[in-house]
PDB file of N, CA and C in Angstrom:
ATOM      1  N   MET A   1       0.838  -1.174   0.000  1.00  0.00           N
ATOM      2  CA  MET A   1       0.000   0.000   0.000  1.00  0.00           C
ATOM      3  C   MET A   1       0.887   1.243   0.000  1.00  0.00           C
ATOM      4  N   ASN A   2       0.648   2.116  -0.938  1.00  0.00           N
ATOM      5  CA  ASN A   2       1.472   3.313  -1.069  1.00  0.00           C
ATOM      6  C   ASN A   2       0.816   4.500  -0.381  1.00  0.00           C
ATOM      7  N   ALA A   3       1.612   5.210   0.366  1.00  0.00           N
ATOM      8  CA  ALA A   3       1.124   6.413   1.038  1.00  0.00           C
ATOM      9  C   ALA A   3       1.266   7.597   0.086  1.00  0.00           C
ATOM     10  N   PRO A   4       0.395   8.589   0.217  1.00  0.00           N
ATOM     11  CA  PRO A   4       0.562   9.791  -0.613  1.00  0.00           C
ATOM     12  C   PRO A   4       1.838  10.542  -0.239  1.00  0.00           C
ATOM     13  N   VAL A   5       2.372  11.247  -1.200  1.00  0.00           N
ATOM     14  CA  VAL A   5       3.643  11.950  -0.994  1.00  0.00           C
ATOM     15  C   VAL A   5       3.528  12.971   0.128  1.00  0.00           C
ATOM     16  N   TRP A   6       2.407  13.688   0.220  1.00  0.00           N
ATOM     17  CA  TRP A   6       2.272  14.711   1.260  1.00  0.00           C
ATOM     18  C   TRP A   6       2.338  14.082   2.649  1.00  0.00           C
ATOM     19  N   LEU A   7       1.832  12.861   2.799  1.00  0.00           N
ATOM     20  CA  LEU A   7       1.894  12.187   4.091  1.00  0.00           C
ATOM     21  C   LEU A   7       3.328  11.792   4.424  1.00  0.00           C
ATOM     22  N   LEU A   8       4.069  11.330   3.441  1.00  0.00           N
ATOM     23  CA  LEU A   8       5.475  10.975   3.684  1.00  0.00           C
ATOM     24  C   LEU A   8       6.299  12.205   4.049  1.00  0.00           C
ATOM     25  N   VAL A   9       6.027  13.330   3.401  1.00  0.00           N
ATOM     26  CA  VAL A   9       6.729  14.576   3.747  1.00  0.00           C
ATOM     27  C   VAL A   9       6.412  14.963   5.181  1.00  0.00           C
ATOM     28  N   LEU A  10       5.149  14.894   5.543  1.00  0.00           N
ATOM     29  CA  LEU A  10       4.729  15.241   6.901  1.00  0.00           C
ATOM     30  C   LEU A  10       5.379  14.324   7.940  1.00  0.00           C
ATOM     31  N   LEU A  11       5.392  13.029   7.685  1.00  0.00           N
ATOM     32  CA  LEU A  11       6.008  12.084   8.616  1.00  0.00           C
ATOM     33  C   LEU A  11       7.519  12.300   8.733  1.00  0.00           C
ATOM     34  N   THR A  12       8.173  12.559   7.618  1.00  0.00           N
ATOM     35  CA  THR A  12       9.619  12.800   7.639  1.00  0.00           C
ATOM     36  C   THR A  12       9.950  14.042   8.462  1.00  0.00           C
ATOM     37  N   CYS A  13       9.197  15.116   8.249  1.00  0.00           N
ATOM     38  CA  CYS A  13       9.423  16.340   9.032  1.00  0.00           C
ATOM     39  C   CYS A  13       9.145  16.114  10.516  1.00  0.00           C
ATOM     40  N   GLY A  14       8.106  15.359  10.810  1.00  0.00           N
ATOM     41  CA  GLY A  14       7.771  15.067  12.204  1.00  0.00           C
ATOM     42  C   GLY A  14       8.846  14.267  12.912  1.00  0.00           C
ATOM     43  N   TRP A  15       9.358  13.244  12.253  1.00  0.00           N
ATOM     44  CA  TRP A  15      10.415  12.443  12.871  1.00  0.00           C
ATOM     45  C   TRP A  15      11.692  13.248  13.036  1.00  0.00           C
ATOM     46  N   GLY A  16      11.971  14.143  12.085  1.00  0.00           N
ATOM     47  CA  GLY A  16      13.138  15.012  12.218  1.00  0.00           C
ATOM     48  C   GLY A  16      13.013  15.955  13.404  1.00  0.00           C
ATOM     49  N   ALA A  17      11.819  16.529  13.575  1.00  0.00           N
ATOM     50  CA  ALA A  17      11.591  17.430  14.712  1.00  0.00           C
ATOM     51  C   ALA A  17      11.698  16.681  16.035  1.00  0.00           C
ATOM     52  N   LEU A  18      11.154  15.469  16.076  1.00  0.00           N
ATOM     53  CA  LEU A  18      11.266  14.671  17.307  1.00  0.00           C
ATOM     54  C   LEU A  18      12.715  14.304  17.606  1.00  0.00           C
ATOM     55  N   THR A  19      13.476  14.005  16.569  1.00  0.00           N
ATOM     56  CA  THR A  19      14.893  13.681  16.767  1.00  0.00           C
ATOM     57  C   THR A  19      15.622  14.866  17.399  1.00  0.00           C
ATOM     58  N   ILE A  20      15.396  16.053  16.863  1.00  0.00           N
ATOM     59  CA  ILE A  20      16.038  17.253  17.422  1.00  0.00           C
ATOM     60  C   ILE A  20      15.617  17.463  18.868  1.00  0.00           C
ATOM     61  N   ARG A  21      14.333  17.288  19.152  1.00  0.00           N
ATOM     62  CA  ARG A  21      13.816  17.496  20.510  1.00  0.00           C
ATOM     63  C   ARG A  21      14.433  16.513  21.505  1.00  0.00           C
ATOM     64  N   PHE A  22      14.505  15.225  21.125  1.00  0.00           N
ATOM     65  CA  PHE A  22      15.066  14.226  22.033  1.00  0.00           C
ATOM     66  C   PHE A  22      16.573  14.417  22.223  1.00  0.00           C
ATOM     67  N   VAL A  23      17.276  14.881  21.201  1.00  0.00           N
ATOM     68  CA  VAL A  23      18.712  15.154  21.344  1.00  0.00           C
ATOM     69  C   VAL A  23      18.913  16.314  22.309  1.00  0.00           C
ATOM     70  N   GLN A  24      18.081  17.353  22.197  1.00  0.00           N
ATOM     71  CA  GLN A  24      18.204  18.495  23.103  1.00  0.00           C
ATOM     72  C   GLN A  24      17.927  18.101  24.549  1.00  0.00           C
ATOM     73  N   LYS A  25      17.028  17.154  24.762  1.00  0.00           N
ATOM     74  CA  LYS A  25      16.705  16.715  26.118  1.00  0.00           C
ATOM     75  C   LYS A  25      17.623  15.582  26.594  1.00  0.00           C
ATOM     76  N   ALA A  26      18.577  15.194  25.766  1.00  0.00           N
ATOM     77  CA  ALA A  26      19.546  14.130  26.080  1.00  0.00           C
ATOM     78  C   ALA A  26      18.869  12.806  26.374  1.00  0.00           C
ATOM     79  N   ASN A  27      17.817  12.502  25.640  1.00  0.00           N
ATOM     80  CA  ASN A  27      17.109  11.228  25.769  1.00  0.00           C
ATOM     81  C   ASN A  27      17.587  10.336  24.622  1.00  0.00           C
ATOM     82  N   LEU A  28      18.711   9.659  24.839  1.00  0.00           N
ATOM     83  CA  LEU A  28      19.390   8.939  23.775  1.00  0.00           C
ATOM     84  C   LEU A  28      18.567   7.815  23.144  1.00  0.00           C
ATOM     85  N   PRO A  29      17.888   6.942  23.907  1.00  0.00           N
ATOM     86  CA  PRO A  29      17.137   5.862  23.251  1.00  0.00           C
ATOM     87  C   PRO A  29      16.069   6.380  22.285  1.00  0.00           C
ATOM     88  N   PHE A  30      15.317   7.383  22.708  1.00  0.00           N
ATOM     89  CA  PHE A  30      14.278   7.920  21.835  1.00  0.00           C
ATOM     90  C   PHE A  30      14.878   8.739  20.694  1.00  0.00           C
ATOM     91  N   ALA A  31      16.029   9.363  20.928  1.00  0.00           N
ATOM     92  CA  ALA A  31      16.702  10.096  19.856  1.00  0.00           C
ATOM     93  C   ALA A  31      17.161   9.138  18.759  1.00  0.00           C
ATOM     94  N   LEU A  32      17.711   8.004  19.154  1.00  0.00           N
ATOM     95  CA  LEU A  32      18.140   7.013  18.164  1.00  0.00           C
ATOM     96  C   LEU A  32      16.958   6.414  17.419  1.00  0.00           C
ATOM     97  N   LEU A  33      15.883   6.121  18.137  1.00  0.00           N
ATOM     98  CA  LEU A  33      14.681   5.591  17.491  1.00  0.00           C
ATOM     99  C   LEU A  33      14.106   6.602  16.503  1.00  0.00           C
ATOM    100  N   SER A  34      14.023   7.852  16.911  1.00  0.00           N
ATOM    101  CA  SER A  34      13.492   8.895  16.034  1.00  0.00           C
ATOM    102  C   SER A  34      14.398   9.109  14.822  1.00  0.00           C
ATOM    103  N   ALA A  35      15.703   9.056  15.029  1.00  0.00           N
ATOM    104  CA  ALA A  35      16.633   9.217  13.910  1.00  0.00           C
ATOM    105  C   ALA A  35      16.494   8.066  12.918  1.00  0.00           C
ATOM    106  N   ALA A  36      16.298   6.854  13.429  1.00  0.00           N
ATOM    107  CA  ALA A  36      16.098   5.704  12.540  1.00  0.00           C
ATOM    108  C   ALA A  36      14.801   5.847  11.749  1.00  0.00           C
ATOM    109  N   MET A  37      13.739   6.277  12.405  1.00  0.00           N
ATOM    110  CA  MET A  37      12.468   6.469  11.716  1.00  0.00           C
ATOM    111  C   MET A  37      12.562   7.603  10.702  1.00  0.00           C
ATOM    112  N   PHE A  38      13.304   8.670  11.052  1.00  0.00           N
ATOM    113  CA  PHE A  38      13.524   9.774  10.122  1.00  0.00           C
ATOM    114  C   PHE A  38      14.238   9.282   8.867  1.00  0.00           C
ATOM    115  N   ALA A  39      15.281   8.485   9.051  1.00  0.00           N
ATOM    116  CA  ALA A  39      16.029   7.965   7.909  1.00  0.00           C
ATOM    117  C   ALA A  39      15.162   7.036   7.060  1.00  0.00           C
ATOM    118  N   TRP A  40      14.362   6.195   7.707  1.00  0.00           N
ATOM    119  CA  TRP A  40      13.501   5.266   6.978  1.00  0.00           C
ATOM    120  C   TRP A  40      12.434   6.016   6.175  1.00  0.00           C
ATOM    121  N   GLN A  41      11.815   7.012   6.791  1.00  0.00           N
ATOM    122  CA  GLN A  41      10.804   7.796   6.080  1.00  0.00           C
ATOM    123  C   GLN A  41      11.455   8.608   4.956  1.00  0.00           C
ATOM    124  N   GLY A  42      12.641   9.130   5.182  1.00  0.00           N
ATOM    125  CA  GLY A  42      13.358   9.843   4.122  1.00  0.00           C
ATOM    126  C   GLY A  42      13.678   8.943   2.952  1.00  0.00           C
ATOM    127  N   TRP A  43      14.080   7.716   3.242  1.00  0.00           N
ATOM    128  CA  TRP A  43      14.354   6.748   2.177  1.00  0.00           C
ATOM    129  C   TRP A  43      13.081   6.423   1.406  1.00  0.00           C
ATOM    130  N   ARG A  44      11.967   6.208   2.133  1.00  0.00           N
ATOM    131  CA  ARG A  44      10.688   5.931   1.459  1.00  0.00           C
ATOM    132  C   ARG A  44      10.262   7.100   0.580  1.00  0.00           C
ATOM    133  N   LEU A  45      10.451   8.315   1.079  1.00  0.00           N
ATOM    134  CA  LEU A  45      10.094   9.496   0.305  1.00  0.00           C
ATOM    135  C   LEU A  45      10.961   9.590  -0.941  1.00  0.00           C
ATOM    136  N   TRP A  46      12.247   9.338  -0.803  1.00  0.00           N
ATOM    137  CA  TRP A  46      13.151   9.376  -1.956  1.00  0.00           C
ATOM    138  C   TRP A  46      12.769   8.319  -2.974  1.00  0.00           C
ATOM    139  N   MET A  47      12.483   7.101  -2.515  1.00  0.00           N
ATOM    140  CA  MET A  47      12.107   6.030  -3.433  1.00  0.00           C
ATOM    141  C   MET A  47      10.783   6.352  -4.139  1.00  0.00           C
ATOM    142  N   ARG A  48       9.882   7.001  -3.447  1.00  0.00           N
ATOM    143  CA  ARG A  48       8.578   7.325  -4.033  1.00  0.00           C
ATOM    144  C   ARG A  48       8.675   8.439  -5.067  1.00  0.00           C
ATOM    145  N   THR A  49       9.587   9.399  -4.857  1.00  0.00           N
ATOM    146  CA  THR A  49       9.659  10.540  -5.763  1.00  0.00           C
ATOM    147  C   THR A  49      10.741  10.398  -6.812  1.00  0.00           C
ATOM    148  N   ARG A  50      11.855   9.771  -6.497  1.00  0.00           N
ATOM    149  CA  ARG A  50      12.966   9.687  -7.447  1.00  0.00           C
ATOM    150  C   ARG A  50      13.224   8.270  -7.949  1.00  0.00           C
ATOM    151  N   GLY A  51      12.993   7.300  -7.105  1.00  0.00           N
ATOM    152  CA  GLY A  51      13.370   5.932  -7.452  1.00  0.00           C
ATOM    153  C   GLY A  51      12.383   5.229  -8.352  1.00  0.00           C
ATOM    154  N   GLY A  52      11.275   5.836  -8.636  1.00  0.00           N
ATOM    155  CA  GLY A  52      10.255   5.164  -9.437  1.00  0.00           C
ATOM    156  C   GLY A  52       9.366   4.320  -8.569  1.00  0.00           C
ATOM    157  N   LYS A  53       8.253   3.932  -9.129  1.00  0.00           N
ATOM    158  CA  LYS A  53       7.273   3.186  -8.340  1.00  0.00           C
ATOM    159  C   LYS A  53       7.436   1.701  -8.538  1.00  0.00           C
TER     160      LYS A  53
END
């Protein structure tokens, strides 16, 4: 099931903001989890827009 591009952009921005927030609060486990989710959503967004369907 493919998500719309606007949803992937929104999720990527959200995970990035959470990563920054958890790093500022020195909450390492959640910062690493958020960074991993940010990277995964960024990869999905790249594959959806540049990598072809």
